[in-house]
Protein backbone atom coordinates (compact mmCIF):
# COMPACT_ATOMS: atom_id res chain seq x y z
CA UNK A 1 -3.65 8.42 -6.45
CA UNK A 2 0.19 7.99 -6.10
CA UNK A 3 2.48 5.35 -5.81
CA UNK A 4 0.76 3.84 -2.61
CA UNK A 5 -1.04 0.70 -1.06
CA UNK A 6 -4.40 2.91 -0.24
CA UNK A 7 -4.12 4.47 -4.12
CA UNK A 8 -3.61 0.83 -5.52
CA UNK A 9 -6.57 -0.75 -3.44
CA UNK A 10 -8.81 2.07 -5.12
CA UNK A 11 -7.71 1.37 -8.70
CA UNK A 12 -8.25 -2.53 -8.16
CA UNK A 13 -11.83 -2.58 -6.25
CA UNK A 14 -13.47 0.12 -8.23
CA UNK A 15 -14.35 -2.46 -11.00
CA UNK A 16 -14.85 -5.16 -8.67
CA UNK A 17 -18.21 -2.82 -6.63
CA UNK A 18 -19.22 -1.58 -9.65
CA UNK A 19 -20.02 -5.03 -10.60
CA UNK A 20 -21.52 -6.01 -7.78
CA UNK A 21 -23.97 -4.00 -8.38
CA UNK A 22 -22.60 -0.75 -6.16
CA UNK A 23 -22.68 2.66 -8.09
CA UNK A 24 -19.20 3.99 -7.05
CA UNK A 25 -17.39 7.37 -7.72
CA UNK A 26 -13.99 8.79 -7.11
CA UNK A 27 -13.39 12.20 -5.92
CA UNK A 28 -9.89 12.85 -5.62
CA UNK A 29 -8.58 16.17 -4.42
CA UNK A 30 -5.44 16.50 -6.41
CA UNK A 31 -4.26 14.71 -9.84
CA UNK A 32 -1.23 15.24 -12.22
CA UNK A 33 -1.66 12.46 -14.39
CA UNK A 34 -1.01 9.48 -12.13
CA UNK A 35 -0.77 6.13 -13.91
CA UNK A 36 -3.25 4.88 -11.62
CA UNK A 37 -5.65 7.70 -12.64
CA UNK A 38 -5.43 6.93 -15.92
CA UNK A 39 -5.63 3.23 -15.71
CA UNK A 40 -9.07 3.33 -14.07
CA UNK A 41 -9.71 6.30 -16.27
CA UNK A 42 -9.38 4.18 -19.19
CA UNK A 43 -11.50 0.85 -17.42
CA UNK A 44 -14.47 3.51 -17.69
CA UNK A 45 -15.87 2.19 -15.00
CA UNK A 46 -17.02 4.90 -12.29
CA UNK A 47 -16.83 8.93 -13.06
CA UNK A 48 -13.22 10.42 -11.50
CA UNK A 49 -13.85 13.74 -10.20
CA UNK A 50 -10.29 16.08 -9.81
CA UNK A 51 -10.30 19.37 -7.30
CA UNK A 52 -7.17 20.58 -8.46
CA UNK A 53 -5.07 19.45 -11.09
CA UNK A 54 -1.78 20.97 -10.56
CA UNK A 55 2.31 20.07 -10.49
CA UNK A 56 2.00 21.08 -6.43
CA UNK A 57 0.54 17.82 -4.74
CA UNK A 58 0.52 20.17 -1.45
CA UNK A 59 -2.37 21.62 -2.99
CA UNK A 60 -4.40 18.28 -1.29
CA UNK A 61 -4.04 20.08 1.59
CA UNK A 62 -6.00 23.07 0.37
CA UNK A 63 -8.88 23.76 3.38
CA UNK A 64 -10.82 25.16 0.00
CA UNK A 65 -11.60 21.75 -0.69
CA UNK A 66 -13.77 22.03 1.86
CA UNK A 67 -16.45 23.24 0.40
CA UNK A 68 -15.53 21.82 -2.59
CA UNK A 69 -16.34 18.49 -0.96
CA UNK A 70 -19.58 19.61 -0.09
CA UNK A 71 -21.33 20.10 -3.54
CA UNK A 72 -20.73 16.21 -3.91
CA UNK A 73 -21.43 15.00 -0.82
CA UNK A 74 -25.81 15.04 -1.42
CA UNK A 75 -25.44 12.97 -4.82
CA UNK A 76 -24.42 9.97 -2.41
CA UNK A 77 -25.22 7.71 0.18
CA UNK A 78 -21.85 6.93 1.41
CA UNK A 79 -18.34 8.91 0.95
CA UNK A 80 -15.80 6.28 2.28
CA UNK A 81 -12.59 7.78 2.79
CA UNK A 82 -9.10 7.39 2.26
CA UNK A 83 -6.20 9.60 3.55
CA UNK A 84 -5.40 12.80 6.07
CA UNK A 85 -6.28 15.44 5.08
CA UNK A 86 -9.53 14.24 3.09
CA UNK A 87 -9.95 12.26 6.45
CA UNK A 88 -10.23 15.59 8.23
CA UNK A 89 -12.20 17.34 5.09
CA UNK A 90 -15.17 15.10 4.54
CA UNK A 91 -16.19 15.54 7.58
CA UNK A 92 -16.20 19.38 7.78
CA UNK A 93 -17.83 19.24 4.27
CA UNK A 94 -20.97 17.00 5.75
CA UNK A 95 -21.47 19.54 9.00
CA UNK A 96 -21.54 22.15 6.71
CA UNK A 97 -23.20 20.66 4.06
CA UNK A 98 -27.03 19.57 6.33
CA UNK A 99 -26.33 16.10 3.67
CA UNK A 100 -27.29 13.17 5.35
CA UNK A 101 -24.51 10.76 3.71
CA UNK A 102 -22.84 8.05 6.41
CA UNK A 103 -19.31 9.06 6.56
CA UNK A 104 -16.89 5.85 6.49
CA UNK A 105 -13.06 5.95 6.88
CA UNK A 106 -10.12 3.60 6.25
CA UNK A 107 -7.39 3.53 8.75
CA UNK A 108 -4.46 2.05 6.66
CA UNK A 109 -1.50 2.33 9.13
CA UNK A 110 -0.53 1.07 13.26
CA UNK A 111 0.75 4.85 13.48
CA UNK A 112 1.02 8.38 12.14
CA UNK A 113 1.98 11.89 13.51
CA UNK A 114 -1.43 12.50 14.86
CA UNK A 115 -1.97 9.65 17.04
CA UNK A 116 1.46 10.32 18.51
CA UNK A 117 0.69 14.17 19.59
CA UNK A 118 -0.80 14.21 22.54
CA UNK A 119 -2.55 17.73 21.75
CA UNK A 120 -4.36 16.07 18.36
CA UNK A 121 -6.33 13.38 20.52
CA UNK A 122 -9.14 15.71 21.36
CA UNK A 123 -9.29 16.95 17.61
CA UNK A 124 -8.56 13.21 16.11
CA UNK A 125 -11.37 11.89 18.98
CA UNK A 126 -13.88 14.84 17.34
CA UNK A 127 -13.44 14.05 13.76
CA UNK A 128 -13.52 10.47 14.25
CA UNK A 129 -17.11 10.53 16.08
CA UNK A 130 -17.83 11.76 13.25
CA UNK A 131 -17.81 8.53 10.80
CA UNK A 132 -20.24 6.44 10.96
CA UNK A 133 -18.37 3.21 10.76
CA UNK A 134 -13.82 3.35 10.81
CA UNK A 135 -12.88 0.58 9.25
CA UNK A 136 -9.65 -1.70 10.05
CA UNK A 137 -7.26 -3.32 8.05
CA UNK A 138 -5.79 -5.34 10.73
CA UNK A 139 -6.65 -6.50 14.05
CA UNK A 140 -3.25 -4.58 15.52
CA UNK A 141 -4.82 -1.69 14.14
CA UNK A 142 -8.28 -2.41 15.71
CA UNK A 143 -6.89 -2.94 18.77
CA UNK A 144 -4.98 0.36 18.91
CA UNK A 145 -7.68 2.66 17.72
CA UNK A 146 -10.08 0.86 20.16
CA UNK A 147 -7.78 1.43 23.46
CA UNK A 148 -7.27 5.06 21.66
CA UNK A 149 -11.14 6.51 21.00
CA UNK A 150 -12.23 4.78 24.27
CA UNK A 151 -14.16 2.20 22.58
CA UNK A 152 -15.05 -0.26 19.46
CA UNK A 153 -18.96 0.83 18.70
CA UNK A 154 -17.77 2.39 15.38
CA UNK A 155 -14.58 -0.07 14.51
CA UNK A 156 -14.64 -2.53 11.58
CA UNK A 157 -12.38 -4.97 11.01
CA UNK A 158 -11.63 -5.78 7.24
CA UNK A 159 -8.61 -6.99 5.99
CA UNK A 160 -7.06 -5.63 2.43
CA UNK A 161 -7.20 -8.19 -0.31
CA UNK A 162 -5.22 -8.08 -3.67
CA UNK A 163 -6.57 -9.60 -6.99
CA UNK A 164 -4.44 -12.90 -6.42
CA UNK A 165 -5.35 -13.62 -10.10
CA UNK A 166 -3.46 -11.16 -11.87
CA UNK A 167 -0.49 -12.18 -10.11
CA UNK A 168 -0.86 -15.83 -11.03
CA UNK A 169 -1.54 -15.50 -14.69
CA UNK A 170 1.71 -12.30 -15.44
CA UNK A 171 4.37 -13.50 -17.34
CA UNK A 172 7.74 -12.98 -16.52
CA UNK A 173 10.36 -10.81 -18.63
CA UNK A 174 13.82 -12.79 -19.37
CA UNK A 175 16.00 -10.74 -17.30
CA UNK A 176 18.11 -9.06 -19.95
CA UNK A 177 14.66 -8.01 -21.29
CA UNK A 178 13.71 -6.17 -18.55
CA UNK A 179 16.64 -4.06 -18.11
CA UNK A 180 19.82 -4.56 -20.29
CA UNK A 181 22.26 -4.39 -17.75
CA UNK A 182 20.88 -7.59 -16.30
CA UNK A 183 22.31 -10.87 -16.98
CA UNK A 184 20.26 -14.33 -17.22
CA UNK A 185 22.16 -15.81 -14.02
CA UNK A 186 21.56 -12.94 -11.99
CA UNK A 187 19.65 -12.66 -8.57
CA UNK A 188 17.12 -10.12 -8.72
CA UNK A 189 16.01 -8.61 -5.85
CA UNK A 190 12.58 -6.00 -5.86
CA UNK A 191 11.04 -3.96 -3.87
CA UNK A 192 7.71 -2.36 -4.66
CA UNK A 193 7.24 0.58 -2.36
CA UNK A 194 6.77 4.25 -2.72
CA UNK A 195 9.77 6.52 -1.53
CA UNK A 196 8.77 7.83 2.08
CA UNK A 197 10.59 7.46 5.16
CA UNK A 198 8.32 4.50 6.58
CA UNK A 199 9.55 2.86 3.64
CA UNK A 200 12.80 2.64 4.99
CA UNK A 201 14.96 1.59 1.12
CA UNK A 202 17.98 2.54 2.55
CA UNK A 203 18.81 -0.61 4.77
CA UNK A 204 17.80 -2.91 1.49
CA UNK A 205 20.21 -0.56 -0.45
CA UNK A 206 23.23 -1.34 2.68
CA UNK A 207 22.01 -4.82 2.66
CA UNK A 208 23.36 -5.09 -1.04
CA UNK A 209 26.87 -4.29 0.09
CA UNK A 210 27.43 -7.49 2.05
CA UNK A 211 26.03 -9.12 -0.89
CA UNK A 212 28.37 -11.04 -4.67
CA UNK A 213 27.78 -8.45 -7.08
CA UNK A 214 25.17 -11.32 -8.95
CA UNK A 215 23.03 -9.54 -6.75
CA UNK A 216 20.96 -6.89 -8.13
CA UNK A 217 18.40 -4.39 -6.70
CA UNK A 218 15.05 -2.83 -8.51
CA UNK A 219 13.23 -0.20 -6.44
CA UNK A 220 9.67 0.64 -8.64
CA UNK A 221 7.71 3.63 -6.99
CA UNK A 222 8.14 7.19 -6.44
CA UNK A 223 8.57 9.97 -3.41
CA UNK A 224 9.85 12.10 -1.35
CA UNK A 225 12.61 9.99 -0.36
CA UNK A 226 13.68 8.98 -4.16
CA UNK A 227 16.59 11.30 -4.37
CA UNK A 228 18.29 10.36 -1.01
CA UNK A 229 18.27 7.21 -2.25
CA UNK A 230 19.94 7.86 -5.27
CA UNK A 231 22.34 9.05 -3.23
CA UNK A 232 23.07 6.85 -0.63
CA UNK A 233 23.34 4.31 -3.74
CA UNK A 234 26.42 6.92 -5.22
CA UNK A 235 27.92 6.97 -2.16
CA UNK A 236 28.04 3.17 -1.86
CA UNK A 237 29.15 2.89 -5.40
CA UNK A 238 26.17 0.92 -6.49
CA UNK A 239 24.96 2.40 -9.52
CA UNK A 240 25.57 -0.69 -11.47
CA UNK A 241 23.87 -3.22 -8.74
CA UNK A 242 20.66 -1.14 -7.88
CA UNK A 243 17.99 0.56 -10.17
CA UNK A 244 15.83 2.66 -9.64
CA UNK A 245 12.55 2.01 -12.28
CA UNK A 246 9.93 4.46 -11.01
CA UNK A 247 6.15 3.89 -10.76
CA UNK A 248 4.69 0.80 -12.74
CA UNK A 249 2.47 -0.71 -13.92
CA UNK A 250 3.54 -3.88 -14.99
CA UNK A 251 4.09 -5.03 -10.66
CA UNK A 252 2.38 -8.20 -11.37
CA UNK A 253 5.07 -9.30 -14.18
CA UNK A 254 8.10 -7.37 -12.42
CA UNK A 255 7.22 -9.52 -9.40
CA UNK A 256 7.24 -13.01 -11.25
CA UNK A 257 10.84 -11.95 -12.83
CA UNK A 258 12.65 -11.55 -9.87
CA UNK A 259 14.16 -14.10 -7.34
CA UNK A 260 13.55 -12.24 -3.85
CA UNK A 261 10.67 -9.83 -3.37
CA UNK A 262 11.40 -7.97 -0.22
CA UNK A 263 9.94 -5.09 2.09
CA UNK A 264 12.03 -3.32 4.59
CA UNK A 265 9.02 -0.62 5.74
CA UNK A 266 9.62 0.51 9.70
CA UNK A 267 5.48 -0.03 10.09
CA UNK A 268 2.86 -0.40 7.68
CA UNK A 269 -1.09 -1.31 8.42
CA UNK A 270 -1.70 -3.99 6.09
CA UNK A 271 0.46 -3.50 3.06
CA UNK A 272 -1.06 -4.28 -0.58
CA UNK A 273 2.99 -4.65 -1.67
CA UNK A 274 3.52 -7.87 1.31
CA UNK A 275 0.79 -9.72 -0.05
CA UNK A 276 1.69 -8.96 -3.69
CA UNK A 277 4.86 -10.18 -2.43
CA UNK A 278 3.31 -13.42 -0.70
CA UNK A 279 1.72 -14.22 -3.77
CA UNK A 280 4.39 -13.87 -6.02
CA UNK A 281 5.92 -18.06 -6.17
CA UNK A 282 8.54 -16.01 -4.83
CA UNK A 283 10.71 -15.54 -0.90
CA UNK A 284 9.18 -13.21 0.94
CA UNK A 285 11.00 -11.37 3.30
CA UNK A 286 10.18 -8.23 5.42
CA UNK A 287 11.51 -6.47 8.19
CA UNK A 288 9.48 -7.51 11.99
CA UNK A 289 7.45 -4.29 12.65
CA UNK A 290 3.86 -3.85 12.88
CA UNK A 291 1.99 -4.52 10.14
CA UNK A 292 4.33 -6.90 8.56
CA UNK A 293 5.28 -9.28 11.06
CA UNK A 294 1.67 -10.59 11.73
CA UNK A 295 0.76 -11.00 8.04
CA UNK A 296 4.72 -12.95 7.04
CA UNK A 297 5.28 -14.77 10.22
CA UNK A 298 4.88 -19.01 9.29
CA UNK A 299 5.72 -18.13 6.11
CA UNK A 300 7.65 -15.45 4.97
CA UNK A 301 11.38 -14.22 6.42
CA UNK A 302 11.31 -11.45 8.67
CA UNK A 303 14.60 -9.57 9.92
CA UNK A 304 15.15 -7.11 12.39
CA UNK A 305 14.25 -3.17 11.43
CA UNK A 306 17.03 -1.44 9.86
CA UNK A 307 19.05 -4.36 10.12
CA UNK A 308 20.98 -4.27 6.54
CA UNK A 309 23.66 -7.32 7.91
CA UNK A 310 20.46 -9.76 9.04
CA UNK A 311 19.05 -8.80 5.71
CA UNK A 312 21.85 -10.00 3.78
CA UNK A 313 22.47 -13.16 5.87
CA UNK A 314 18.66 -14.31 4.83
CA UNK A 315 19.50 -13.67 1.39
CA UNK A 316 22.41 -15.24 1.34
CA UNK A 317 20.52 -18.36 3.20
CA UNK A 318 18.27 -18.46 0.76
CA UNK A 319 20.84 -18.02 -1.88
CA UNK A 320 22.54 -21.74 -0.75
CA UNK A 321 19.47 -23.70 0.31
CA UNK A 322 17.37 -24.67 -3.07
CA UNK A 323 15.08 -27.04 -0.51
CA UNK A 324 14.51 -24.01 2.03
CA UNK A 325 14.02 -20.95 -0.97
CA UNK A 326 11.23 -23.64 -2.75
CA UNK A 327 9.65 -23.59 0.98
CA UNK A 328 9.20 -20.83 1.99
CA UNK A 329 8.16 -20.06 -1.56
CA UNK A 330 5.39 -22.11 -1.45
CA UNK A 331 4.23 -21.51 2.35
CA UNK A 332 3.84 -17.64 1.05
CA UNK A 333 1.79 -18.81 -2.43
CA UNK A 334 -0.37 -20.47 0.63
CA UNK A 335 -0.20 -17.59 3.22
CA UNK A 336 -1.70 -14.73 0.20
CA UNK A 337 -4.74 -16.82 -0.22
CA UNK A 338 -6.67 -15.97 2.76
CA UNK A 339 -6.20 -12.07 0.89
CA UNK A 340 -8.16 -12.74 -2.13
CA UNK A 341 -9.35 -9.56 -3.23
CA UNK A 342 -13.50 -10.86 -3.27
CA UNK A 343 -13.37 -11.31 0.77
CA UNK A 344 -12.59 -7.83 1.24
CA UNK A 345 -15.06 -6.91 -1.25
CA UNK A 346 -18.07 -8.86 0.48
CA UNK A 347 -17.33 -7.51 3.79
CA UNK A 348 -16.91 -3.46 2.61
CA UNK A 349 -21.07 -4.45 0.98
CA UNK A 350 -22.02 -5.75 4.04
CA UNK A 351 -20.84 -2.89 5.81
CA UNK A 352 -22.02 -0.57 3.87
CA UNK A 353 -25.84 -2.16 3.69
CA UNK A 354 -25.73 -2.31 7.60
CA UNK A 355 -25.76 1.86 7.50
CA UNK A 356 -29.03 1.50 5.82
CA UNK A 357 -28.20 4.21 3.12
């Protein structure tokens, strides 16, 4: 449970399920004192089982997890699975265990390396056939997998949700208190996203070159592309304007403290960061790509994928037009209301009951 939308969804939703009368525990393939796990542990709302505790995240790919998962399945009516490789491991564990556990999988993205590889298609179809329900978090994902799997009998459309009350009640930081390098007159841009190729923080960093020095960028998250982004920042001589905050548990307060919230991804599913950005009370800007354009269109501003100049121009436009800034922020908040977490929880519980587990 590192930084990521699916991981944040688990942290935010399990307490709600438990409150609604669902006994829900968490089984992790791997952990190394991740903040999301520690926060969930501190809440005391569920049992947390970890198959491997180590510094090496690659341990999640160990096929030995299949035998370990097998031991847990028989104790549960439903196993709701998120992300690869757990997607595969749970299927094989159920097959060899003989457990009657119903399997549910949530598809979080419009694409992945397997769906784009024809050699994987027979394997993928077999894996998906073993799930009793496939939850798609957007209409676009639903349509893609209805075509990919040759039917929609097992598909369910349930949008991800965010606990909007937490964001609404968050208290902003004074800029100088947030970071001593910030002045109160600075314009703060915030992106909350894991440092993965998908998220394309590089475009946002490049956009900063085309903005006045008063614009500063805060990047929240960790991941494999972090060092590359640090190197790009140095190469562009932006060290005094780009700040890497790591993994943070105070994202609602950071959202309230920013002047602009951006997500520059190459693709998304239904990003929780995008919903949180919409709900922040600040203008939200996102790349015009699958999983973002459908959510943001008509509310925030969209720029072409990888277009750092276009992004910079939109930020300048908002800075120079206070009425536009206010109008976009209001529209964003209104759009976020469609993705309140309570709606998602109710739909998932209805789905669980429909399985007759």
